Every structure is written in C-alpha cells, then in structure tokens.
Amino acid sequence: MTDTIHHQIHYLEIPTKDIDASKVFFAEVFGWEFVDYGPEYTCFTGQQIEGGFFLSSHSMHSESGSALVVIYSDDLEASLQQVESAGGVIVKPIFSFPGGSRFHFVDTAGNEFAVWH
C-alpha cells in the first residue's frame, strides 16, 4: 500500500453479488486491476485509494443511506459512454453541482457510484 496518513480514509470494501462481473466491469470502464483473495473477495489496486469487493447479497445505494463512492474523470462524456457500453445503467444523467459536474450509475452488480469532473 501507499504511504499512510493518520486518520485518512485508507481502504473501501464494497459489496457485490458477482465478483467476476464487478472485476470485468471496473477493468473495462476504469482500467482497474485486481488481486483475488479466494472466491469471495478481490482487491482493486493502483487507485488513489485501494479497496476490495466482497461477495454479498446487498448493494450500495445513496437513497438507502449508503456512502456514495465518487470516481474522478478527465472526460465525463467518455466515461458515461464507457459505463453504458460495459452494461452500467445511468440513474442520474450529467448534472452540475458546486465544483463541477457528475453523473450517477449502477454497475452490473447493482451498486450505485458517481463519476465527476
């Protein structure tokens, strides 16, 4: 892991109903790489923050009180097209907010994420 800073968010663990589908989706759309730790856990590496996907029947949605994982993009339109091409569903089209623009999507495992620029 990278250098750690006291009390900094260091790692995320995200539920998924399908480890393999999550790996394929995030590798295709965002270029993430993975290290498997058995059939029910995989770790993504090489991002500003690292984390993993764990097998679960639950999924994350901000409407139900879950934290929202927000991913940065240099090209928001291209990222939106990549999400759709990989099977993600846009649940909030691109909109402006103080500080930029973003969209929300649900991945192939049913988790909500956002992408901003």
PDB file of N, CA and C in Angstrom:
ATOM      1  N   MET A   1       0.839  -1.183   0.000  1.00  0.00           N
ATOM      2  CA  MET A   1       0.000   0.000   0.000  1.00  0.00           C
ATOM      3  C   MET A   1       0.884   1.247   0.000  1.00  0.00           C
ATOM      4  N   THR A   2       0.269   2.359  -0.269  1.00  0.00           N
ATOM      5  CA  THR A   2       0.982   3.629  -0.348  1.00  0.00           C
ATOM      6  C   THR A   2       1.247   4.180   1.048  1.00  0.00           C
ATOM      7  N   ASP A   3       1.922   5.324   1.105  1.00  0.00           N
ATOM      8  CA  ASP A   3       2.153   5.979   2.393  1.00  0.00           C
ATOM      9  C   ASP A   3       0.823   6.240   3.079  1.00  0.00           C
ATOM     10  N   THR A   4       0.793   6.070   4.364  1.00  0.00           N
ATOM     11  CA  THR A   4      -0.448   6.276   5.100  1.00  0.00           C
ATOM     12  C   THR A   4      -0.363   7.541   5.932  1.00  0.00           C
ATOM     13  N   ILE A   5      -1.489   8.187   6.081  1.00  0.00           N
ATOM     14  CA  ILE A   5      -1.608   9.412   6.863  1.00  0.00           C
ATOM     15  C   ILE A   5      -2.607   9.132   7.978  1.00  0.00           C
ATOM     16  N   HIS A   6      -2.248   9.504   9.190  1.00  0.00           N
ATOM     17  CA  HIS A   6      -3.089   9.288  10.368  1.00  0.00           C
ATOM     18  C   HIS A   6      -4.509   9.781  10.117  1.00  0.00           C
ATOM     19  N   HIS A   7      -5.487   8.920  10.315  1.00  0.00           N
ATOM     20  CA  HIS A   7      -6.925   9.180  10.216  1.00  0.00           C
ATOM     21  C   HIS A   7      -7.421   9.445   8.797  1.00  0.00           C
ATOM     22  N   GLN A   8      -6.610   9.194   7.800  1.00  0.00           N
ATOM     23  CA  GLN A   8      -7.051   9.315   6.413  1.00  0.00           C
ATOM     24  C   GLN A   8      -7.864   8.072   6.040  1.00  0.00           C
ATOM     25  N   ILE A   9      -8.919   8.247   5.231  1.00  0.00           N
ATOM     26  CA  ILE A   9      -9.626   7.073   4.719  1.00  0.00           C
ATOM     27  C   ILE A   9      -8.628   6.308   3.877  1.00  0.00           C
ATOM     28  N   HIS A  10      -8.493   5.036   4.189  1.00  0.00           N
ATOM     29  CA  HIS A  10      -7.404   4.259   3.615  1.00  0.00           C
ATOM     30  C   HIS A  10      -7.867   3.144   2.694  1.00  0.00           C
ATOM     31  N   TYR A  11      -9.065   2.625   2.880  1.00  0.00           N
ATOM     32  CA  TYR A  11      -9.477   1.430   2.157  1.00  0.00           C
ATOM     33  C   TYR A  11     -10.989   1.374   2.129  1.00  0.00           C
ATOM     34  N   LEU A  12     -11.556   0.930   1.021  1.00  0.00           N
ATOM     35  CA  LEU A  12     -13.000   0.777   0.896  1.00  0.00           C
ATOM     36  C   LEU A  12     -13.320  -0.687   0.658  1.00  0.00           C
ATOM     37  N   GLU A  13     -14.377  -1.162   1.249  1.00  0.00           N
ATOM     38  CA  GLU A  13     -14.874  -2.502   0.955  1.00  0.00           C
ATOM     39  C   GLU A  13     -16.294  -2.362   0.438  1.00  0.00           C
ATOM     40  N   ILE A  14     -16.524  -2.909  -0.756  1.00  0.00           N
ATOM     41  CA  ILE A  14     -17.760  -2.711  -1.482  1.00  0.00           C
ATOM     42  C   ILE A  14     -18.443  -4.066  -1.689  1.00  0.00           C
ATOM     43  N   PRO A  15     -19.745  -4.145  -1.397  1.00  0.00           N
ATOM     44  CA  PRO A  15     -20.440  -5.413  -1.629  1.00  0.00           C
ATOM     45  C   PRO A  15     -20.645  -5.650  -3.120  1.00  0.00           C
ATOM     46  N   THR A  16     -20.691  -6.908  -3.505  1.00  0.00           N
ATOM     47  CA  THR A  16     -21.037  -7.263  -4.881  1.00  0.00           C
ATOM     48  C   THR A  16     -21.735  -8.611  -4.888  1.00  0.00           C
ATOM     49  N   LYS A  17     -22.691  -8.739  -5.759  1.00  0.00           N
ATOM     50  CA  LYS A  17     -23.395 -10.010  -5.907  1.00  0.00           C
ATOM     51  C   LYS A  17     -22.633 -10.947  -6.831  1.00  0.00           C
ATOM     52  N   ASP A  18     -21.646 -10.404  -7.579  1.00  0.00           N
ATOM     53  CA  ASP A  18     -20.898 -11.192  -8.547  1.00  0.00           C
ATOM     54  C   ASP A  18     -19.482 -10.631  -8.674  1.00  0.00           C
ATOM     55  N   ILE A  19     -18.527 -11.259  -8.009  1.00  0.00           N
ATOM     56  CA  ILE A  19     -17.131 -10.797  -8.013  1.00  0.00           C
ATOM     57  C   ILE A  19     -16.600 -10.682  -9.437  1.00  0.00           C
ATOM     58  N   ASP A  20     -16.777 -11.730 -10.236  1.00  0.00           N
ATOM     59  CA  ASP A  20     -16.230 -11.723 -11.594  1.00  0.00           C
ATOM     60  C   ASP A  20     -16.829 -10.615 -12.448  1.00  0.00           C
ATOM     61  N   ALA A  21     -18.138 -10.407 -12.342  1.00  0.00           N
ATOM     62  CA  ALA A  21     -18.781  -9.339 -13.117  1.00  0.00           C
ATOM     63  C   ALA A  21     -18.259  -7.968 -12.694  1.00  0.00           C
ATOM     64  N   SER A  22     -18.040  -7.769 -11.401  1.00  0.00           N
ATOM     65  CA  SER A  22     -17.502  -6.494 -10.926  1.00  0.00           C
ATOM     66  C   SER A  22     -16.096  -6.264 -11.460  1.00  0.00           C
ATOM     67  N   LYS A  23     -15.285  -7.304 -11.443  1.00  0.00           N
ATOM     68  CA  LYS A  23     -13.921  -7.180 -11.958  1.00  0.00           C
ATOM     69  C   LYS A  23     -13.931  -6.812 -13.444  1.00  0.00           C
ATOM     70  N   VAL A  24     -14.751  -7.496 -14.226  1.00  0.00           N
ATOM     71  CA  VAL A  24     -14.819  -7.222 -15.663  1.00  0.00           C
ATOM     72  C   VAL A  24     -15.294  -5.788 -15.902  1.00  0.00           C
ATOM     73  N   PHE A  25     -16.353  -5.366 -15.213  1.00  0.00           N
ATOM     74  CA  PHE A  25     -16.914  -4.032 -15.405  1.00  0.00           C
ATOM     75  C   PHE A  25     -15.886  -2.941 -15.081  1.00  0.00           C
ATOM     76  N   PHE A  26     -15.283  -2.998 -13.896  1.00  0.00           N
ATOM     77  CA  PHE A  26     -14.377  -1.923 -13.487  1.00  0.00           C
ATOM     78  C   PHE A  26     -13.044  -1.963 -14.237  1.00  0.00           C
ATOM     79  N   ALA A  27     -12.617  -3.119 -14.679  1.00  0.00           N
ATOM     80  CA  ALA A  27     -11.419  -3.193 -15.523  1.00  0.00           C
ATOM     81  C   ALA A  27     -11.705  -2.578 -16.885  1.00  0.00           C
ATOM     82  N   GLU A  28     -12.869  -2.899 -17.451  1.00  0.00           N
ATOM     83  CA  GLU A  28     -13.224  -2.382 -18.777  1.00  0.00           C
ATOM     84  C   GLU A  28     -13.447  -0.874 -18.768  1.00  0.00           C
ATOM     85  N   VAL A  29     -14.192  -0.385 -17.794  1.00  0.00           N
ATOM     86  CA  VAL A  29     -14.561   1.024 -17.778  1.00  0.00           C
ATOM     87  C   VAL A  29     -13.436   1.918 -17.252  1.00  0.00           C
ATOM     88  N   PHE A  30     -12.813   1.527 -16.138  1.00  0.00           N
ATOM     89  CA  PHE A  30     -11.864   2.401 -15.465  1.00  0.00           C
ATOM     90  C   PHE A  30     -10.424   1.901 -15.471  1.00  0.00           C
ATOM     91  N   GLY A  31     -10.191   0.708 -16.019  1.00  0.00           N
ATOM     92  CA  GLY A  31      -8.828   0.177 -16.091  1.00  0.00           C
ATOM     93  C   GLY A  31      -8.294  -0.343 -14.767  1.00  0.00           C
ATOM     94  N   TRP A  32      -9.189  -0.650 -13.835  1.00  0.00           N
ATOM     95  CA  TRP A  32      -8.742  -1.138 -12.535  1.00  0.00           C
ATOM     96  C   TRP A  32      -8.125  -2.524 -12.670  1.00  0.00           C
ATOM     97  N   GLU A  33      -7.159  -2.805 -11.806  1.00  0.00           N
ATOM     98  CA  GLU A  33      -6.542  -4.121 -11.729  1.00  0.00           C
ATOM     99  C   GLU A  33      -6.911  -4.762 -10.399  1.00  0.00           C
ATOM    100  N   PHE A  34      -6.918  -6.093 -10.358  1.00  0.00           N
ATOM    101  CA  PHE A  34      -7.412  -6.813  -9.188  1.00  0.00           C
ATOM    102  C   PHE A  34      -6.453  -7.902  -8.746  1.00  0.00           C
ATOM    103  N   VAL A  35      -6.485  -8.178  -7.449  1.00  0.00           N
ATOM    104  CA  VAL A  35      -5.781  -9.305  -6.853  1.00  0.00           C
ATOM    105  C   VAL A  35      -6.840 -10.098  -6.093  1.00  0.00           C
ATOM    106  N   ASP A  36      -7.004 -11.369  -6.431  1.00  0.00           N
ATOM    107  CA  ASP A  36      -8.011 -12.211  -5.785  1.00  0.00           C
ATOM    108  C   ASP A  36      -7.478 -12.799  -4.482  1.00  0.00           C
ATOM    109  N   TYR A  37      -8.361 -12.844  -3.480  1.00  0.00           N
ATOM    110  CA  TYR A  37      -8.071 -13.475  -2.196  1.00  0.00           C
ATOM    111  C   TYR A  37      -9.182 -14.475  -1.901  1.00  0.00           C
ATOM    112  N   GLY A  38      -9.256 -15.500  -2.707  1.00  0.00           N
ATOM    113  CA  GLY A  38     -10.297 -16.510  -2.564  1.00  0.00           C
ATOM    114  C   GLY A  38     -11.500 -16.174  -3.428  1.00  0.00           C
ATOM    115  N   PRO A  39     -12.517 -17.037  -3.404  1.00  0.00           N
ATOM    116  CA  PRO A  39     -13.677 -16.857  -4.282  1.00  0.00           C
ATOM    117  C   PRO A  39     -14.650 -15.766  -3.844  1.00  0.00           C
ATOM    118  N   GLU A  40     -14.483 -15.229  -2.639  1.00  0.00           N
ATOM    119  CA  GLU A  40     -15.448 -14.248  -2.134  1.00  0.00           C
ATOM    120  C   GLU A  40     -14.851 -12.874  -1.873  1.00  0.00           C
ATOM    121  N   TYR A  41     -13.615 -12.624  -2.384  1.00  0.00           N
ATOM    122  CA  TYR A  41     -13.003 -11.315  -2.162  1.00  0.00           C
ATOM    123  C   TYR A  41     -11.970 -11.022  -3.234  1.00  0.00           C
ATOM    124  N   THR A  42     -11.993  -9.797  -3.734  1.00  0.00           N
ATOM    125  CA  THR A  42     -10.954  -9.324  -4.645  1.00  0.00           C
ATOM    126  C   THR A  42     -10.601  -7.898  -4.274  1.00  0.00           C
ATOM    127  N   CYS A  43      -9.359  -7.547  -4.420  1.00  0.00           N
ATOM    128  CA  CYS A  43      -8.840  -6.224  -4.051  1.00  0.00           C
ATOM    129  C   CYS A  43      -8.522  -5.450  -5.326  1.00  0.00           C
ATOM    130  N   PHE A  44      -8.941  -4.179  -5.395  1.00  0.00           N
ATOM    131  CA  PHE A  44      -8.509  -3.342  -6.508  1.00  0.00           C
ATOM    132  C   PHE A  44      -7.325  -2.503  -6.050  1.00  0.00           C
ATOM    133  N   THR A  45      -6.369  -2.353  -6.953  1.00  0.00           N
ATOM    134  CA  THR A  45      -5.125  -1.667  -6.621  1.00  0.00           C
ATOM    135  C   THR A  45      -4.826  -0.596  -7.661  1.00  0.00           C
ATOM    136  N   GLY A  46      -3.837   0.221  -7.362  1.00  0.00           N
ATOM    137  CA  GLY A  46      -3.374   1.223  -8.309  1.00  0.00           C
ATOM    138  C   GLY A  46      -4.235   2.465  -8.384  1.00  0.00           C
ATOM    139  N   GLN A  47      -5.163   2.627  -7.466  1.00  0.00           N
ATOM    140  CA  GLN A  47      -6.006   3.818  -7.416  1.00  0.00           C
ATOM    141  C   GLN A  47      -5.493   4.720  -6.296  1.00  0.00           C
ATOM    142  N   GLN A  48      -6.017   5.918  -6.216  1.00  0.00           N
ATOM    143  CA  GLN A  48      -5.613   6.822  -5.144  1.00  0.00           C
ATOM    144  C   GLN A  48      -5.970   6.231  -3.780  1.00  0.00           C
ATOM    145  N   ILE A  49      -7.049   5.484  -3.748  1.00  0.00           N
ATOM    146  CA  ILE A  49      -7.423   4.733  -2.556  1.00  0.00           C
ATOM    147  C   ILE A  49      -7.645   3.292  -3.014  1.00  0.00           C
ATOM    148  N   GLU A  50      -7.248   2.364  -2.206  1.00  0.00           N
ATOM    149  CA  GLU A  50      -7.433   0.967  -2.568  1.00  0.00           C
ATOM    150  C   GLU A  50      -8.634   0.408  -1.835  1.00  0.00           C
ATOM    151  N   GLY A  51      -9.065  -0.752  -2.259  1.00  0.00           N
ATOM    152  CA  GLY A  51     -10.216  -1.367  -1.632  1.00  0.00           C
ATOM    153  C   GLY A  51     -10.481  -2.720  -2.237  1.00  0.00           C
ATOM    154  N   GLY A  52     -11.661  -3.228  -1.968  1.00  0.00           N
ATOM    155  CA  GLY A  52     -11.996  -4.535  -2.478  1.00  0.00           C
ATOM    156  C   GLY A  52     -13.484  -4.712  -2.624  1.00  0.00           C
ATOM    157  N   PHE A  53     -13.843  -5.780  -3.329  1.00  0.00           N
ATOM    158  CA  PHE A  53     -15.221  -6.203  -3.471  1.00  0.00           C
ATOM    159  C   PHE A  53     -15.381  -7.505  -2.706  1.00  0.00           C
ATOM    160  N   PHE A  54     -16.423  -7.585  -1.885  1.00  0.00           N
ATOM    161  CA  PHE A  54     -16.709  -8.822  -1.155  1.00  0.00           C
ATOM    162  C   PHE A  54     -18.074  -9.338  -1.567  1.00  0.00           C
ATOM    163  N   LEU A  55     -18.197 -10.647  -1.627  1.00  0.00           N
ATOM    164  CA  LEU A  55     -19.431 -11.286  -2.045  1.00  0.00           C
ATOM    165  C   LEU A  55     -20.528 -11.013  -1.024  1.00  0.00           C
ATOM    166  N   SER A  56     -21.665 -10.506  -1.505  1.00  0.00           N
ATOM    167  CA  SER A  56     -22.769 -10.143  -0.620  1.00  0.00           C
ATOM    168  C   SER A  56     -24.063 -10.110  -1.420  1.00  0.00           C
ATOM    169  N   SER A  57     -25.161 -10.361  -0.771  1.00  0.00           N
ATOM    170  CA  SER A  57     -26.461 -10.232  -1.430  1.00  0.00           C
ATOM    171  C   SER A  57     -26.957  -8.791  -1.390  1.00  0.00           C
ATOM    172  N   HIS A  58     -26.224  -7.896  -0.725  1.00  0.00           N
ATOM    173  CA  HIS A  58     -26.605  -6.492  -0.592  1.00  0.00           C
ATOM    174  C   HIS A  58     -25.905  -5.643  -1.650  1.00  0.00           C
ATOM    175  N   SER A  59     -26.406  -4.430  -1.847  1.00  0.00           N
ATOM    176  CA  SER A  59     -25.763  -3.485  -2.745  1.00  0.00           C
ATOM    177  C   SER A  59     -25.861  -2.082  -2.147  1.00  0.00           C
ATOM    178  N   MET A  60     -25.044  -1.164  -2.672  1.00  0.00           N
ATOM    179  CA  MET A  60     -24.969   0.209  -2.161  1.00  0.00           C
ATOM    180  C   MET A  60     -25.849   1.142  -2.997  1.00  0.00           C
ATOM    181  N   HIS A  61     -26.647   1.948  -2.309  1.00  0.00           N
ATOM    182  CA  HIS A  61     -27.458   2.976  -2.963  1.00  0.00           C
ATOM    183  C   HIS A  61     -27.549   4.164  -2.022  1.00  0.00           C
ATOM    184  N   SER A  62     -27.253   5.346  -2.531  1.00  0.00           N
ATOM    185  CA  SER A  62     -27.281   6.535  -1.681  1.00  0.00           C
ATOM    186  C   SER A  62     -28.680   6.802  -1.131  1.00  0.00           C
ATOM    187  N   GLU A  63     -29.728   6.438  -1.877  1.00  0.00           N
ATOM    188  CA  GLU A  63     -31.097   6.659  -1.402  1.00  0.00           C
ATOM    189  C   GLU A  63     -31.415   5.850  -0.148  1.00  0.00           C
ATOM    190  N   SER A  64     -30.704   4.728   0.050  1.00  0.00           N
ATOM    191  CA  SER A  64     -30.951   3.917   1.242  1.00  0.00           C
ATOM    192  C   SER A  64     -29.955   4.225   2.354  1.00  0.00           C
ATOM    193  N   GLY A  65     -29.176   5.299   2.179  1.00  0.00           N
ATOM    194  CA  GLY A  65     -28.272   5.737   3.230  1.00  0.00           C
ATOM    195  C   GLY A  65     -26.841   5.264   3.086  1.00  0.00           C
ATOM    196  N   SER A  66     -26.523   4.592   2.009  1.00  0.00           N
ATOM    197  CA  SER A  66     -25.157   4.115   1.794  1.00  0.00           C
ATOM    198  C   SER A  66     -24.241   5.277   1.419  1.00  0.00           C
ATOM    199  N   ALA A  67     -22.977   5.138   1.747  1.00  0.00           N
ATOM    200  CA  ALA A  67     -21.990   6.099   1.270  1.00  0.00           C
ATOM    201  C   ALA A  67     -21.929   6.010  -0.251  1.00  0.00           C
ATOM    202  N   LEU A  68     -21.636   7.121  -0.906  1.00  0.00           N
ATOM    203  CA  LEU A  68     -21.524   7.157  -2.359  1.00  0.00           C
ATOM    204  C   LEU A  68     -20.048   7.233  -2.734  1.00  0.00           C
ATOM    205  N   VAL A  69     -19.568   6.255  -3.479  1.00  0.00           N
ATOM    206  CA  VAL A  69     -18.199   6.265  -3.973  1.00  0.00           C
ATOM    207  C   VAL A  69     -18.192   7.106  -5.242  1.00  0.00           C
ATOM    208  N   VAL A  70     -17.335   8.144  -5.261  1.00  0.00           N
ATOM    209  CA  VAL A  70     -17.267   9.079  -6.379  1.00  0.00           C
ATOM    210  C   VAL A  70     -15.909   8.940  -7.046  1.00  0.00           C
ATOM    211  N   ILE A  71     -15.913   8.716  -8.348  1.00  0.00           N
ATOM    212  CA  ILE A  71     -14.711   8.476  -9.144  1.00  0.00           C
ATOM    213  C   ILE A  71     -14.463   9.711 -10.008  1.00  0.00           C
ATOM    214  N   TYR A  72     -13.203  10.141 -10.121  1.00  0.00           N
ATOM    215  CA  TYR A  72     -12.868  11.299 -10.946  1.00  0.00           C
ATOM    216  C   TYR A  72     -12.622  10.885 -12.385  1.00  0.00           C
ATOM    217  N   SER A  73     -12.996  11.737 -13.337  1.00  0.00           N
ATOM    218  CA  SER A  73     -12.760  11.510 -14.762  1.00  0.00           C
ATOM    219  C   SER A  73     -12.254  12.779 -15.419  1.00  0.00           C
ATOM    220  N   ASP A  74     -11.280  12.641 -16.315  1.00  0.00           N
ATOM    221  CA  ASP A  74     -10.833  13.775 -17.131  1.00  0.00           C
ATOM    222  C   ASP A  74     -11.836  14.089 -18.235  1.00  0.00           C
ATOM    223  N   ASP A  75     -12.652  13.107 -18.636  1.00  0.00           N
ATOM    224  CA  ASP A  75     -13.605  13.257 -19.730  1.00  0.00           C
ATOM    225  C   ASP A  75     -14.922  12.604 -19.325  1.00  0.00           C
ATOM    226  N   LEU A  76     -15.817  13.393 -18.768  1.00  0.00           N
ATOM    227  CA  LEU A  76     -17.061  12.889 -18.208  1.00  0.00           C
ATOM    228  C   LEU A  76     -17.937  12.199 -19.260  1.00  0.00           C
ATOM    229  N   GLU A  77     -18.067  12.800 -20.438  1.00  0.00           N
ATOM    230  CA  GLU A  77     -18.882  12.211 -21.502  1.00  0.00           C
ATOM    231  C   GLU A  77     -18.350  10.844 -21.921  1.00  0.00           C
ATOM    232  N   ALA A  78     -17.025  10.735 -22.082  1.00  0.00           N
ATOM    233  CA  ALA A  78     -16.419   9.456 -22.475  1.00  0.00           C
ATOM    234  C   ALA A  78     -16.633   8.412 -21.387  1.00  0.00           C
ATOM    235  N   SER A  79     -16.505   8.810 -20.124  1.00  0.00           N
ATOM    236  CA  SER A  79     -16.722   7.867 -19.023  1.00  0.00           C
ATOM    237  C   SER A  79     -18.165   7.386 -18.995  1.00  0.00           C
ATOM    238  N   LEU A  80     -19.104   8.294 -19.231  1.00  0.00           N
ATOM    239  CA  LEU A  80     -20.512   7.906 -19.261  1.00  0.00           C
ATOM    240  C   LEU A  80     -20.744   6.876 -20.370  1.00  0.00           C
ATOM    241  N   GLN A  81     -20.177   7.112 -21.537  1.00  0.00           N
ATOM    242  CA  GLN A  81     -20.331   6.160 -22.646  1.00  0.00           C
ATOM    243  C   GLN A  81     -19.695   4.812 -22.316  1.00  0.00           C
ATOM    244  N   GLN A  82     -18.545   4.813 -21.642  1.00  0.00           N
ATOM    245  CA  GLN A  82     -17.889   3.559 -21.258  1.00  0.00           C
ATOM    246  C   GLN A  82     -18.727   2.788 -20.248  1.00  0.00           C
ATOM    247  N   VAL A  83     -19.315   3.499 -19.291  1.00  0.00           N
ATOM    248  CA  VAL A  83     -20.181   2.854 -18.301  1.00  0.00           C
ATOM    249  C   VAL A  83     -21.342   2.168 -19.009  1.00  0.00           C
ATOM    250  N   GLU A  84     -21.995   2.881 -19.924  1.00  0.00           N
ATOM    251  CA  GLU A  84     -23.130   2.300 -20.642  1.00  0.00           C
ATOM    252  C   GLU A  84     -22.697   1.121 -21.513  1.00  0.00           C
ATOM    253  N   SER A  85     -21.570   1.250 -22.195  1.00  0.00           N
ATOM    254  CA  SER A  85     -21.081   0.178 -23.068  1.00  0.00           C
ATOM    255  C   SER A  85     -20.763  -1.094 -22.298  1.00  0.00           C
ATOM    256  N   ALA A  86     -20.344  -0.930 -21.043  1.00  0.00           N
ATOM    257  CA  ALA A  86     -19.981  -2.084 -20.211  1.00  0.00           C
ATOM    258  C   ALA A  86     -21.186  -2.677 -19.472  1.00  0.00           C
ATOM    259  N   GLY A  87     -22.375  -2.122 -19.685  1.00  0.00           N
ATOM    260  CA  GLY A  87     -23.576  -2.668 -19.060  1.00  0.00           C
ATOM    261  C   GLY A  87     -24.064  -1.923 -17.841  1.00  0.00           C
ATOM    262  N   GLY A  88     -23.411  -0.809 -17.486  1.00  0.00           N
ATOM    263  CA  GLY A  88     -23.885   0.006 -16.378  1.00  0.00           C
ATOM    264  C   GLY A  88     -25.128   0.786 -16.777  1.00  0.00           C
ATOM    265  N   VAL A  89     -25.923   1.183 -15.793  1.00  0.00           N
ATOM    266  CA  VAL A  89     -27.156   1.925 -16.043  1.00  0.00           C
ATOM    267  C   VAL A  89     -27.012   3.317 -15.439  1.00  0.00           C
ATOM    268  N   ILE A  90     -27.222   4.338 -16.238  1.00  0.00           N
ATOM    269  CA  ILE A  90     -27.154   5.718 -15.755  1.00  0.00           C
ATOM    270  C   ILE A  90     -28.448   6.002 -14.990  1.00  0.00           C
ATOM    271  N   VAL A  91     -28.327   6.339 -13.707  1.00  0.00           N
ATOM    272  CA  VAL A  91     -29.503   6.626 -12.890  1.00  0.00           C
ATOM    273  C   VAL A  91     -29.680   8.120 -12.648  1.00  0.00           C
ATOM    274  N   LYS A  92     -28.622   8.907 -12.843  1.00  0.00           N
ATOM    275  CA  LYS A  92     -28.703  10.368 -12.811  1.00  0.00           C
ATOM    276  C   LYS A  92     -27.790  10.865 -13.927  1.00  0.00           C
ATOM    277  N   PRO A  93     -28.379  11.398 -15.007  1.00  0.00           N
ATOM    278  CA  PRO A  93     -27.547  11.915 -16.099  1.00  0.00           C
ATOM    279  C   PRO A  93     -26.660  13.055 -15.613  1.00  0.00           C
ATOM    280  N   ILE A  94     -25.722  13.464 -16.442  1.00  0.00           N
ATOM    281  CA  ILE A  94     -24.770  14.517 -16.066  1.00  0.00           C
ATOM    282  C   ILE A  94     -25.520  15.756 -15.596  1.00  0.00           C
ATOM    283  N   PHE A  95     -25.106  16.249 -14.430  1.00  0.00           N
ATOM    284  CA  PHE A  95     -25.667  17.474 -13.859  1.00  0.00           C
ATOM    285  C   PHE A  95     -24.548  18.258 -13.199  1.00  0.00           C
ATOM    286  N   SER A  96     -24.774  19.559 -13.058  1.00  0.00           N
ATOM    287  CA  SER A  96     -23.790  20.428 -12.417  1.00  0.00           C
ATOM    288  C   SER A  96     -24.039  20.476 -10.920  1.00  0.00           C
ATOM    289  N   PHE A  97     -22.960  20.641 -10.178  1.00  0.00           N
ATOM    290  CA  PHE A  97     -23.026  20.851  -8.739  1.00  0.00           C
ATOM    291  C   PHE A  97     -21.894  21.807  -8.393  1.00  0.00           C
ATOM    292  N   PRO A  98     -21.913  22.427  -7.219  1.00  0.00           N
ATOM    293  CA  PRO A  98     -20.816  23.337  -6.881  1.00  0.00           C
ATOM    294  C   PRO A  98     -19.478  22.593  -6.952  1.00  0.00           C
ATOM    295  N   GLY A  99     -18.626  22.997  -7.869  1.00  0.00           N
ATOM    296  CA  GLY A  99     -17.322  22.361  -8.011  1.00  0.00           C
ATOM    297  C   GLY A  99     -17.160  21.524  -9.259  1.00  0.00           C
ATOM    298  N   GLY A 100     -18.238  21.310 -10.033  1.00  0.00           N
ATOM    299  CA  GLY A 100     -18.078  20.526 -11.246  1.00  0.00           C
ATOM    300  C   GLY A 100     -19.370  19.942 -11.765  1.00  0.00           C
ATOM    301  N   SER A 101     -19.229  18.822 -12.448  1.00  0.00           N
ATOM    302  CA  SER A 101     -20.368  18.086 -12.989  1.00  0.00           C
ATOM    303  C   SER A 101     -20.176  16.617 -12.666  1.00  0.00           C
ATOM    304  N   ARG A 102     -21.275  15.872 -12.635  1.00  0.00           N
ATOM    305  CA  ARG A 102     -21.167  14.439 -12.376  1.00  0.00           C
ATOM    306  C   ARG A 102     -22.400  13.709 -12.889  1.00  0.00           C
ATOM    307  N   PHE A 103     -22.280  12.385 -12.915  1.00  0.00           N
ATOM    308  CA  PHE A 103     -23.415  11.520 -13.176  1.00  0.00           C
ATOM    309  C   PHE A 103     -23.339  10.352 -12.207  1.00  0.00           C
ATOM    310  N   HIS A 104     -24.473   9.681 -11.992  1.00  0.00           N
ATOM    311  CA  HIS A 104     -24.535   8.501 -11.138  1.00  0.00           C
ATOM    312  C   HIS A 104     -24.904   7.312 -12.011  1.00  0.00           C
ATOM    313  N   PHE A 105     -24.352   6.156 -11.665  1.00  0.00           N
ATOM    314  CA  PHE A 105     -24.688   4.937 -12.388  1.00  0.00           C
ATOM    315  C   PHE A 105     -24.777   3.771 -11.422  1.00  0.00           C
ATOM    316  N   VAL A 106     -25.438   2.717 -11.880  1.00  0.00           N
ATOM    317  CA  VAL A 106     -25.478   1.457 -11.156  1.00  0.00           C
ATOM    318  C   VAL A 106     -24.681   0.461 -11.981  1.00  0.00           C
ATOM    319  N   ASP A 107     -23.721  -0.204 -11.335  1.00  0.00           N
ATOM    320  CA  ASP A 107     -22.879  -1.167 -12.040  1.00  0.00           C
ATOM    321  C   ASP A 107     -23.628  -2.477 -12.264  1.00  0.00           C
ATOM    322  N   THR A 108     -22.963  -3.436 -12.872  1.00  0.00           N
ATOM    323  CA  THR A 108     -23.605  -4.707 -13.203  1.00  0.00           C
ATOM    324  C   THR A 108     -23.946  -5.539 -11.977  1.00  0.00           C
ATOM    325  N   ALA A 109     -23.407  -5.192 -10.807  1.00  0.00           N
ATOM    326  CA  ALA A 109     -23.730  -5.900  -9.566  1.00  0.00           C
ATOM    327  C   ALA A 109     -24.805  -5.176  -8.759  1.00  0.00           C
ATOM    328  N   GLY A 110     -25.286  -4.027  -9.260  1.00  0.00           N
ATOM    329  CA  GLY A 110     -26.362  -3.316  -8.590  1.00  0.00           C
ATOM    330  C   GLY A 110     -25.933  -2.216  -7.644  1.00  0.00           C
ATOM    331  N   ASN A 111     -24.636  -1.852  -7.635  1.00  0.00           N
ATOM    332  CA  ASN A 111     -24.140  -0.793  -6.754  1.00  0.00           C
ATOM    333  C   ASN A 111     -24.161   0.559  -7.454  1.00  0.00           C
ATOM    334  N   GLU A 112     -24.530   1.602  -6.704  1.00  0.00           N
ATOM    335  CA  GLU A 112     -24.526   2.964  -7.226  1.00  0.00           C
ATOM    336  C   GLU A 112     -23.158   3.604  -7.000  1.00  0.00           C
ATOM    337  N   PHE A 113     -22.645   4.254  -8.021  1.00  0.00           N
ATOM    338  CA  PHE A 113     -21.412   5.032  -7.972  1.00  0.00           C
ATOM    339  C   PHE A 113     -21.680   6.362  -8.672  1.00  0.00           C
ATOM    340  N   ALA A 114     -20.769   7.315  -8.525  1.00  0.00           N
ATOM    341  CA  ALA A 114     -20.837   8.573  -9.266  1.00  0.00           C
ATOM    342  C   ALA A 114     -19.486   8.792  -9.924  1.00  0.00           C
ATOM    343  N   VAL A 115     -19.510   9.545 -11.025  1.00  0.00           N
ATOM    344  CA  VAL A 115     -18.287   9.971 -11.695  1.00  0.00           C
ATOM    345  C   VAL A 115     -18.381  11.480 -11.844  1.00  0.00           C
ATOM    346  N   TRP A 116     -17.304  12.180 -11.513  1.00  0.00           N
ATOM    347  CA  TRP A 116     -17.332  13.647 -11.562  1.00  0.00           C
ATOM    348  C   TRP A 116     -16.141  14.188 -12.337  1.00  0.00           C
ATOM    349  N   HIS A 117     -16.302  15.428 -12.755  1.00  0.00           N
ATOM    350  CA  HIS A 117     -15.206  16.207 -13.358  1.00  0.00           C
ATOM    351  C   HIS A 117     -15.392  17.645 -12.946  1.00  0.00           C
TER     352      HIS A 117
END
